[in-house]
PDB file of N, CA and C in Angstrom:
ATOM      1  N   UNK A   1      -0.186   7.145  14.681  1.00  0.00           N
ATOM      2  CA  UNK A   1      -1.029   7.265  13.459  1.00  0.00           C
ATOM      3  C   UNK A   1       0.335   7.911  12.357  1.00  0.00           C
ATOM      4  N   UNK A   2       1.120   6.828  11.631  1.00  0.00           N
ATOM      5  CA  UNK A   2       1.708   7.034  11.056  1.00  0.00           C
ATOM      6  C   UNK A   2       1.006   7.335   9.631  1.00  0.00           C
ATOM      7  N   UNK A   3       1.759   8.169   8.536  1.00  0.00           N
ATOM      8  CA  UNK A   3       1.118   8.832   7.275  1.00  0.00           C
ATOM      9  C   UNK A   3       2.621   8.733   6.583  1.00  0.00           C
ATOM     10  N   UNK A   4       2.481   7.754   6.032  1.00  0.00           N
ATOM     11  CA  UNK A   4       3.464   6.804   4.432  1.00  0.00           C
ATOM     12  C   UNK A   4       2.944   7.210   3.516  1.00  0.00           C
ATOM     13  N   UNK A   5       3.730   7.918   2.379  1.00  0.00           N
ATOM     14  CA  UNK A   5       3.863   8.392   0.661  1.00  0.00           C
ATOM     15  C   UNK A   5       4.276   7.082   0.796  1.00  0.00           C
ATOM     16  N   UNK A   6       3.579   7.055  -0.440  1.00  0.00           N
ATOM     17  CA  UNK A   6       3.791   5.123  -1.211  1.00  0.00           C
ATOM     18  C   UNK A   6       3.860   5.493  -3.025  1.00  0.00           C
ATOM     19  N   UNK A   7       4.272   4.455  -3.795  1.00  0.00           N
ATOM     20  CA  UNK A   7       4.209   4.083  -5.463  1.00  0.00           C
ATOM     21  C   UNK A   7       3.770   2.921  -5.140  1.00  0.00           C
ATOM     22  N   UNK A   8       2.832   2.510  -6.478  1.00  0.00           N
ATOM     23  CA  UNK A   8       2.338   1.339  -6.219  1.00  0.00           C
ATOM     24  C   UNK A   8       2.587   0.553  -7.621  1.00  0.00           C
ATOM     25  N   UNK A   9       3.118  -0.751  -7.745  1.00  0.00           N
ATOM     26  CA  UNK A   9       3.561  -0.818  -9.757  1.00  0.00           C
ATOM     27  C   UNK A   9       2.173  -2.133  -9.139  1.00  0.00           C
ATOM     28  N   UNK A  10       1.770  -2.184 -10.509  1.00  0.00           N
ATOM     29  CA  UNK A  10       0.229  -3.090 -10.321  1.00  0.00           C
ATOM     30  C   UNK A  10       0.621  -3.799 -11.719  1.00  0.00           C
ATOM     31  N   UNK A  11       0.233  -5.454 -11.512  1.00  0.00           N
ATOM     32  CA  UNK A  11       0.652  -6.195 -12.328  1.00  0.00           C
ATOM     33  C   UNK A  11       2.885  -7.082 -12.298  1.00  0.00           C
ATOM     34  N   UNK A  12       2.881  -6.398 -11.196  1.00  0.00           N
ATOM     35  CA  UNK A  12       4.363  -7.134 -10.835  1.00  0.00           C
ATOM     36  C   UNK A  12       4.779  -8.659 -11.111  1.00  0.00           C
ATOM     37  N   UNK A  13       5.666  -8.760 -10.923  1.00  0.00           N
ATOM     38  CA  UNK A  13       5.933  -9.973 -10.947  1.00  0.00           C
ATOM     39  C   UNK A  13       5.646 -10.918  -9.752  1.00  0.00           C
ATOM     40  N   UNK A  14       5.743 -10.039  -8.653  1.00  0.00           N
ATOM     41  CA  UNK A  14       5.825 -10.766  -7.128  1.00  0.00           C
ATOM     42  C   UNK A  14       5.565  -9.454  -6.776  1.00  0.00           C
ATOM     43  N   UNK A  15       5.018 -10.015  -5.102  1.00  0.00           N
ATOM     44  CA  UNK A  15       5.234  -7.867  -3.988  1.00  0.00           C
ATOM     45  C   UNK A  15       5.493  -8.251  -3.203  1.00  0.00           C
ATOM     46  N   UNK A  16       6.458  -7.376  -3.776  1.00  0.00           N
ATOM     47  CA  UNK A  16       7.365  -6.807  -2.757  1.00  0.00           C
ATOM     48  C   UNK A  16       6.747  -5.743  -2.007  1.00  0.00           C
ATOM     49  N   UNK A  17       8.308  -4.637  -0.584  1.00  0.00           N
ATOM     50  CA  UNK A  17       7.836  -3.672  -0.890  1.00  0.00           C
ATOM     51  C   UNK A  17       9.346  -3.028  -0.536  1.00  0.00           C
ATOM     52  N   UNK A  18       9.888  -2.246  -0.929  1.00  0.00           N
ATOM     53  CA  UNK A  18      11.052  -1.633  -0.773  1.00  0.00           C
ATOM     54  C   UNK A  18      11.345   0.218  -0.630  1.00  0.00           C
ATOM     55  N   UNK A  19      11.867   0.224   0.267  1.00  0.00           N
ATOM     56  CA  UNK A  19      11.907   1.917   0.501  1.00  0.00           C
ATOM     57  C   UNK A  19      12.741   2.814  -0.877  1.00  0.00           C
ATOM     58  N   UNK A  20      12.473   3.989  -1.090  1.00  0.00           N
ATOM     59  CA  UNK A  20      12.283   4.833  -2.214  1.00  0.00           C
ATOM     60  C   UNK A  20      12.933   6.222  -2.119  1.00  0.00           C
ATOM     61  N   UNK A  21      13.831   6.183  -1.298  1.00  0.00           N
ATOM     62  CA  UNK A  21      14.425   7.335  -1.373  1.00  0.00           C
ATOM     63  C   UNK A  21      13.302   7.281   0.622  1.00  0.00           C
ATOM     64  N   UNK A  22      11.862   8.390   0.760  1.00  0.00           N
ATOM     65  CA  UNK A  22      11.700   9.018   1.687  1.00  0.00           C
ATOM     66  C   UNK A  22      10.327   8.260   1.549  1.00  0.00           C
ATOM     67  N   UNK A  23      10.269   7.691   0.254  1.00  0.00           N
ATOM     68  CA  UNK A  23       8.726   7.221   0.040  1.00  0.00           C
ATOM     69  C   UNK A  23       8.997   5.313   0.224  1.00  0.00           C
ATOM     70  N   UNK A  24       8.036   4.490   0.255  1.00  0.00           N
ATOM     71  CA  UNK A  24       8.077   2.965  -0.242  1.00  0.00           C
ATOM     72  C   UNK A  24       7.498   2.353  -1.708  1.00  0.00           C
ATOM     73  N   UNK A  25       8.362   1.642  -2.229  1.00  0.00           N
ATOM     74  CA  UNK A  25       8.041   1.319  -3.519  1.00  0.00           C
ATOM     75  C   UNK A  25       6.720   0.248  -3.754  1.00  0.00           C
ATOM     76  N   UNK A  26       5.734   0.011  -3.242  1.00  0.00           N
ATOM     77  CA  UNK A  26       4.695  -1.659  -3.083  1.00  0.00           C
ATOM     78  C   UNK A  26       5.000  -1.653  -4.791  1.00  0.00           C
ATOM     79  N   UNK A  27       5.205  -3.189  -5.156  1.00  0.00           N
ATOM     80  CA  UNK A  27       5.095  -4.060  -6.288  1.00  0.00           C
ATOM     81  C   UNK A  27       3.986  -4.983  -5.644  1.00  0.00           C
ATOM     82  N   UNK A  28       2.674  -4.980  -6.346  1.00  0.00           N
ATOM     83  CA  UNK A  28       1.775  -5.836  -7.022  1.00  0.00           C
ATOM     84  C   UNK A  28       1.444  -6.536  -8.081  1.00  0.00           C
ATOM     85  N   UNK A  29       0.670  -8.647  -7.324  1.00  0.00           N
ATOM     86  CA  UNK A  29       1.057  -8.500  -8.712  1.00  0.00           C
ATOM     87  C   UNK A  29      -0.687  -8.688  -9.285  1.00  0.00           C
ATOM     88  N   UNK A  30      -1.214  -7.588  -8.278  1.00  0.00           N
ATOM     89  CA  UNK A  30      -3.091  -7.556  -8.554  1.00  0.00           C
ATOM     90  C   UNK A  30      -2.939  -6.457  -9.865  1.00  0.00           C
ATOM     91  N   UNK A  31      -4.238  -6.112 -10.976  1.00  0.00           N
ATOM     92  CA  UNK A  31      -4.157  -5.377 -12.108  1.00  0.00           C
ATOM     93  C   UNK A  31      -5.247  -4.818 -10.988  1.00  0.00           C
ATOM     94  N   UNK A  32      -4.779  -3.329 -12.096  1.00  0.00           N
ATOM     95  CA  UNK A  32      -5.786  -2.105 -11.310  1.00  0.00           C
ATOM     96  C   UNK A  32      -6.628  -1.739 -11.743  1.00  0.00           C
ATOM     97  N   UNK A  33      -7.621  -2.924 -11.519  1.00  0.00           N
ATOM     98  CA  UNK A  33      -8.809  -3.169 -12.069  1.00  0.00           C
ATOM     99  C   UNK A  33     -10.190  -3.685 -10.770  1.00  0.00           C
ATOM    100  N   UNK A  34     -11.115  -2.326 -10.161  1.00  0.00           N
ATOM    101  CA  UNK A  34     -12.459  -3.127  -9.760  1.00  0.00           C
ATOM    102  C   UNK A  34     -11.892  -3.233  -7.832  1.00  0.00           C
ATOM    103  N   UNK A  35     -10.676  -2.624  -7.707  1.00  0.00           N
ATOM    104  CA  UNK A  35      -9.989  -1.662  -6.860  1.00  0.00           C
ATOM    105  C   UNK A  35      -8.832  -2.933  -6.163  1.00  0.00           C
ATOM    106  N   UNK A  36      -8.771  -4.135  -6.648  1.00  0.00           N
ATOM    107  CA  UNK A  36      -8.110  -5.220  -6.531  1.00  0.00           C
ATOM    108  C   UNK A  36      -6.412  -4.801  -6.550  1.00  0.00           C
ATOM    109  N   UNK A  37      -5.851  -3.591  -7.258  1.00  0.00           N
ATOM    110  CA  UNK A  37      -4.776  -3.554  -6.379  1.00  0.00           C
ATOM    111  C   UNK A  37      -4.214  -2.585  -5.049  1.00  0.00           C
ATOM    112  N   UNK A  38      -5.487  -2.027  -4.883  1.00  0.00           N
ATOM    113  CA  UNK A  38      -6.016  -1.122  -3.420  1.00  0.00           C
ATOM    114  C   UNK A  38      -5.795  -1.856  -2.691  1.00  0.00           C
ATOM    115  N   UNK A  39      -7.345  -3.157  -2.880  1.00  0.00           N
ATOM    116  CA  UNK A  39      -6.809  -4.698  -1.332  1.00  0.00           C
ATOM    117  C   UNK A  39      -5.478  -5.237  -1.621  1.00  0.00           C
ATOM    118  N   UNK A  40      -4.564  -5.292  -2.217  1.00  0.00           N
ATOM    119  CA  UNK A  40      -3.308  -6.692  -2.248  1.00  0.00           C
ATOM    120  C   UNK A  40      -2.857  -5.472  -1.500  1.00  0.00           C
ATOM    121  N   UNK A  41      -2.815  -3.556  -2.757  1.00  0.00           N
ATOM    122  CA  UNK A  41      -1.924  -2.663  -1.324  1.00  0.00           C
ATOM    123  C   UNK A  41      -1.662  -2.747   0.459  1.00  0.00           C
ATOM    124  N   UNK A  42      -3.152  -3.034   1.349  1.00  0.00           N
ATOM    125  CA  UNK A  42      -3.484  -2.791   2.360  1.00  0.00           C
ATOM    126  C   UNK A  42      -2.921  -4.445   2.879  1.00  0.00           C
ATOM    127  N   UNK A  43      -3.106  -4.725   2.004  1.00  0.00           N
ATOM    128  CA  UNK A  43      -3.345  -6.042   2.764  1.00  0.00           C
ATOM    129  C   UNK A  43      -1.481  -6.133   2.772  1.00  0.00           C
ATOM    130  N   UNK A  44      -0.782  -6.264   2.306  1.00  0.00           N
ATOM    131  CA  UNK A  44       1.183  -6.296   1.564  1.00  0.00           C
ATOM    132  C   UNK A  44       1.149  -5.147   2.700  1.00  0.00           C
ATOM    133  N   UNK A  45       0.847  -3.798   3.129  1.00  0.00           N
ATOM    134  CA  UNK A  45       1.869  -3.240   3.866  1.00  0.00           C
ATOM    135  C   UNK A  45       0.892  -3.557   5.251  1.00  0.00           C
ATOM    136  N   UNK A  46       0.005  -4.219   5.604  1.00  0.00           N
ATOM    137  CA  UNK A  46      -0.835  -4.367   7.042  1.00  0.00           C
ATOM    138  C   UNK A  46       0.565  -5.333   7.289  1.00  0.00           C
ATOM    139  N   UNK A  47       1.514  -6.254   6.385  1.00  0.00           N
ATOM    140  CA  UNK A  47       1.910  -7.475   6.940  1.00  0.00           C
ATOM    141  C   UNK A  47       3.211  -6.589   7.036  1.00  0.00           C
ATOM    142  N   UNK A  48       3.949  -6.043   6.423  1.00  0.00           N
ATOM    143  CA  UNK A  48       4.414  -5.260   5.903  1.00  0.00           C
ATOM    144  C   UNK A  48       5.380  -4.287   7.722  1.00  0.00           C
ATOM    145  N   UNK A  49       3.787  -3.619   8.041  1.00  0.00           N
ATOM    146  CA  UNK A  49       4.216  -3.125   8.896  1.00  0.00           C
ATOM    147  C   UNK A  49       3.651  -4.262  10.548  1.00  0.00           C
ATOM    148  N   UNK A  50       3.090  -4.828  10.344  1.00  0.00           N
ATOM    149  CA  UNK A  50       2.707  -5.818  11.092  1.00  0.00           C
ATOM    150  C   UNK A  50       1.723  -5.523  11.989  1.00  0.00           C
ATOM    151  N   UNK A  51       0.476  -5.036  11.453  1.00  0.00           N
ATOM    152  CA  UNK A  51      -1.101  -4.239  11.345  1.00  0.00           C
ATOM    153  C   UNK A  51      -1.755  -5.488  10.800  1.00  0.00           C
ATOM    154  N   UNK A  52      -3.531  -4.729  11.738  1.00  0.00           N
ATOM    155  CA  UNK A  52      -4.238  -5.243  11.550  1.00  0.00           C
ATOM    156  C   UNK A  52      -4.589  -5.150   9.967  1.00  0.00           C
ATOM    157  N   UNK A  53      -5.275  -5.520   8.796  1.00  0.00           N
ATOM    158  CA  UNK A  53      -5.944  -4.887   7.665  1.00  0.00           C
ATOM    159  C   UNK A  53      -6.586  -3.779   7.800  1.00  0.00           C
ATOM    160  N   UNK A  54      -7.560  -3.391   8.543  1.00  0.00           N
ATOM    161  CA  UNK A  54      -8.556  -2.674   9.188  1.00  0.00           C
ATOM    162  C   UNK A  54      -7.141  -1.471   9.805  1.00  0.00           C
ATOM    163  N   UNK A  55      -6.323  -1.441  10.037  1.00  0.00           N
ATOM    164  CA  UNK A  55      -5.892  -0.616  10.929  1.00  0.00           C
ATOM    165  C   UNK A  55      -4.679   0.537   9.588  1.00  0.00           C
ATOM    166  N   UNK A  56      -5.202  -0.488   7.674  1.00  0.00           N
ATOM    167  CA  UNK A  56      -3.928   0.704   7.209  1.00  0.00           C
ATOM    168  C   UNK A  56      -5.558   1.374   6.461  1.00  0.00           C
ATOM    169  N   UNK A  57      -5.085   2.403   5.683  1.00  0.00           N
ATOM    170  CA  UNK A  57      -6.454   2.850   5.046  1.00  0.00           C
ATOM    171  C   UNK A  57      -5.608   4.054   4.803  1.00  0.00           C
ATOM    172  N   UNK A  58      -6.086   4.160   2.619  1.00  0.00           N
ATOM    173  CA  UNK A  58      -5.594   4.720   1.661  1.00  0.00           C
ATOM    174  C   UNK A  58      -6.890   6.473   1.993  1.00  0.00           C
ATOM    175  N   UNK A  59      -5.515   7.224   2.424  1.00  0.00           N
ATOM    176  CA  UNK A  59      -5.803   8.368   2.558  1.00  0.00           C
ATOM    177  C   UNK A  59      -6.435   9.445   1.040  1.00  0.00           C
ATOM    178  N   UNK A  60      -5.446   9.122   0.044  1.00  0.00           N
ATOM    179  CA  UNK A  60      -5.283  10.428  -0.803  1.00  0.00           C
ATOM    180  C   UNK A  60      -4.868   9.424  -1.848  1.00  0.00           C
ATOM    181  N   UNK A  61      -5.137   9.157  -3.441  1.00  0.00           N
ATOM    182  CA  UNK A  61      -4.823   8.906  -4.549  1.00  0.00           C
ATOM    183  C   UNK A  61      -5.450   7.593  -5.026  1.00  0.00           C
ATOM    184  N   UNK A  62      -6.951   7.101  -4.188  1.00  0.00           N
ATOM    185  CA  UNK A  62      -7.423   5.792  -4.351  1.00  0.00           C
ATOM    186  C   UNK A  62      -6.978   5.331  -5.621  1.00  0.00           C
ATOM    187  N   UNK A  63      -7.178   6.267  -6.854  1.00  0.00           N
ATOM    188  CA  UNK A  63      -7.577   6.155  -8.244  1.00  0.00           C
ATOM    189  C   UNK A  63      -5.889   6.207  -9.152  1.00  0.00           C
ATOM    190  N   UNK A  64      -4.682   6.229  -8.328  1.00  0.00           N
ATOM    191  CA  UNK A  64      -3.727   6.855  -8.854  1.00  0.00           C
ATOM    192  C   UNK A  64      -2.378   6.222  -8.672  1.00  0.00           C
ATOM    193  N   UNK A  65      -0.788   6.416  -8.827  1.00  0.00           N
ATOM    194  CA  UNK A  65      -0.476   5.586  -8.189  1.00  0.00           C
ATOM    195  C   UNK A  65       0.463   5.609  -7.398  1.00  0.00           C
ATOM    196  N   UNK A  66       0.461   6.615  -7.323  1.00  0.00           N
ATOM    197  CA  UNK A  66       0.982   7.932  -6.363  1.00  0.00           C
ATOM    198  C   UNK A  66       0.033   7.836  -5.674  1.00  0.00           C
ATOM    199  N   UNK A  67       0.193   7.443  -3.573  1.00  0.00           N
ATOM    200  CA  UNK A  67      -0.990   7.621  -2.745  1.00  0.00           C
ATOM    201  C   UNK A  67      -0.088   7.819  -1.108  1.00  0.00           C
ATOM    202  N   UNK A  68      -1.281   7.872  -0.491  1.00  0.00           N
ATOM    203  CA  UNK A  68      -0.446   8.317   0.718  1.00  0.00           C
ATOM    204  C   UNK A  68      -1.460   7.481   1.252  1.00  0.00           C
ATOM    205  N   UNK A  69      -1.020   7.148   2.801  1.00  0.00           N
ATOM    206  CA  UNK A  69      -2.068   6.200   3.043  1.00  0.00           C
ATOM    207  C   UNK A  69      -1.264   6.451   4.486  1.00  0.00           C
ATOM    208  N   UNK A  70      -2.456   5.502   5.741  1.00  0.00           N
ATOM    209  CA  UNK A  70      -2.356   5.677   6.871  1.00  0.00           C
ATOM    210  C   UNK A  70      -2.445   4.776   7.704  1.00  0.00           C
ATOM    211  N   UNK A  71      -1.205   4.738   8.473  1.00  0.00           N
ATOM    212  CA  UNK A  71      -1.139   2.812   9.256  1.00  0.00           C
ATOM    213  C   UNK A  71      -1.213   3.364  11.013  1.00  0.00           C
ATOM    214  N   UNK A  72      -2.192   2.984  11.379  1.00  0.00           N
ATOM    215  CA  UNK A  72      -2.156   3.469  12.735  1.00  0.00           C
ATOM    216  C   UNK A  72      -2.258   1.795  13.867  1.00  0.00           C
ATOM    217  N   UNK A  73      -1.186   1.597  14.122  1.00  0.00           N
ATOM    218  CA  UNK A  73      -0.661   0.600  15.418  1.00  0.00           C
ATOM    219  C   UNK A  73      -0.944   0.174  16.383  1.00  0.00           C
ATOM    220  N   UNK A  74      -1.488   1.009  17.241  1.00  0.00           N
ATOM    221  CA  UNK A  74      -1.856   1.044  18.087  1.00  0.00           C
ATOM    222  C   UNK A  74      -3.531   0.714  18.384  1.00  0.00           C
ATOM    223  N   UNK A  75      -3.841   0.508  17.454  1.00  0.00           N
ATOM    224  CA  UNK A  75      -5.187  -0.492  18.247  1.00  0.00           C
ATOM    225  C   UNK A  75      -5.088  -1.944  17.949  1.00  0.00           C
TER     226      UNK A  75
END
């Protein structure tokens, strides 16, 4: 189980993940309404870390741009 701090940038032109110091900056094209951006973040991080979407979970900051995400690569 790995815990990662991220900063989300919704309404970006392109989906991408970049390292910014000790946290990740996640750009998603989805809007931050109805949980669309959170879904996009989970899908993008799952692809980035090579795990299933079910193994990525937002632990803190569901309604914030600053989030803490848990990634379980062992399942």
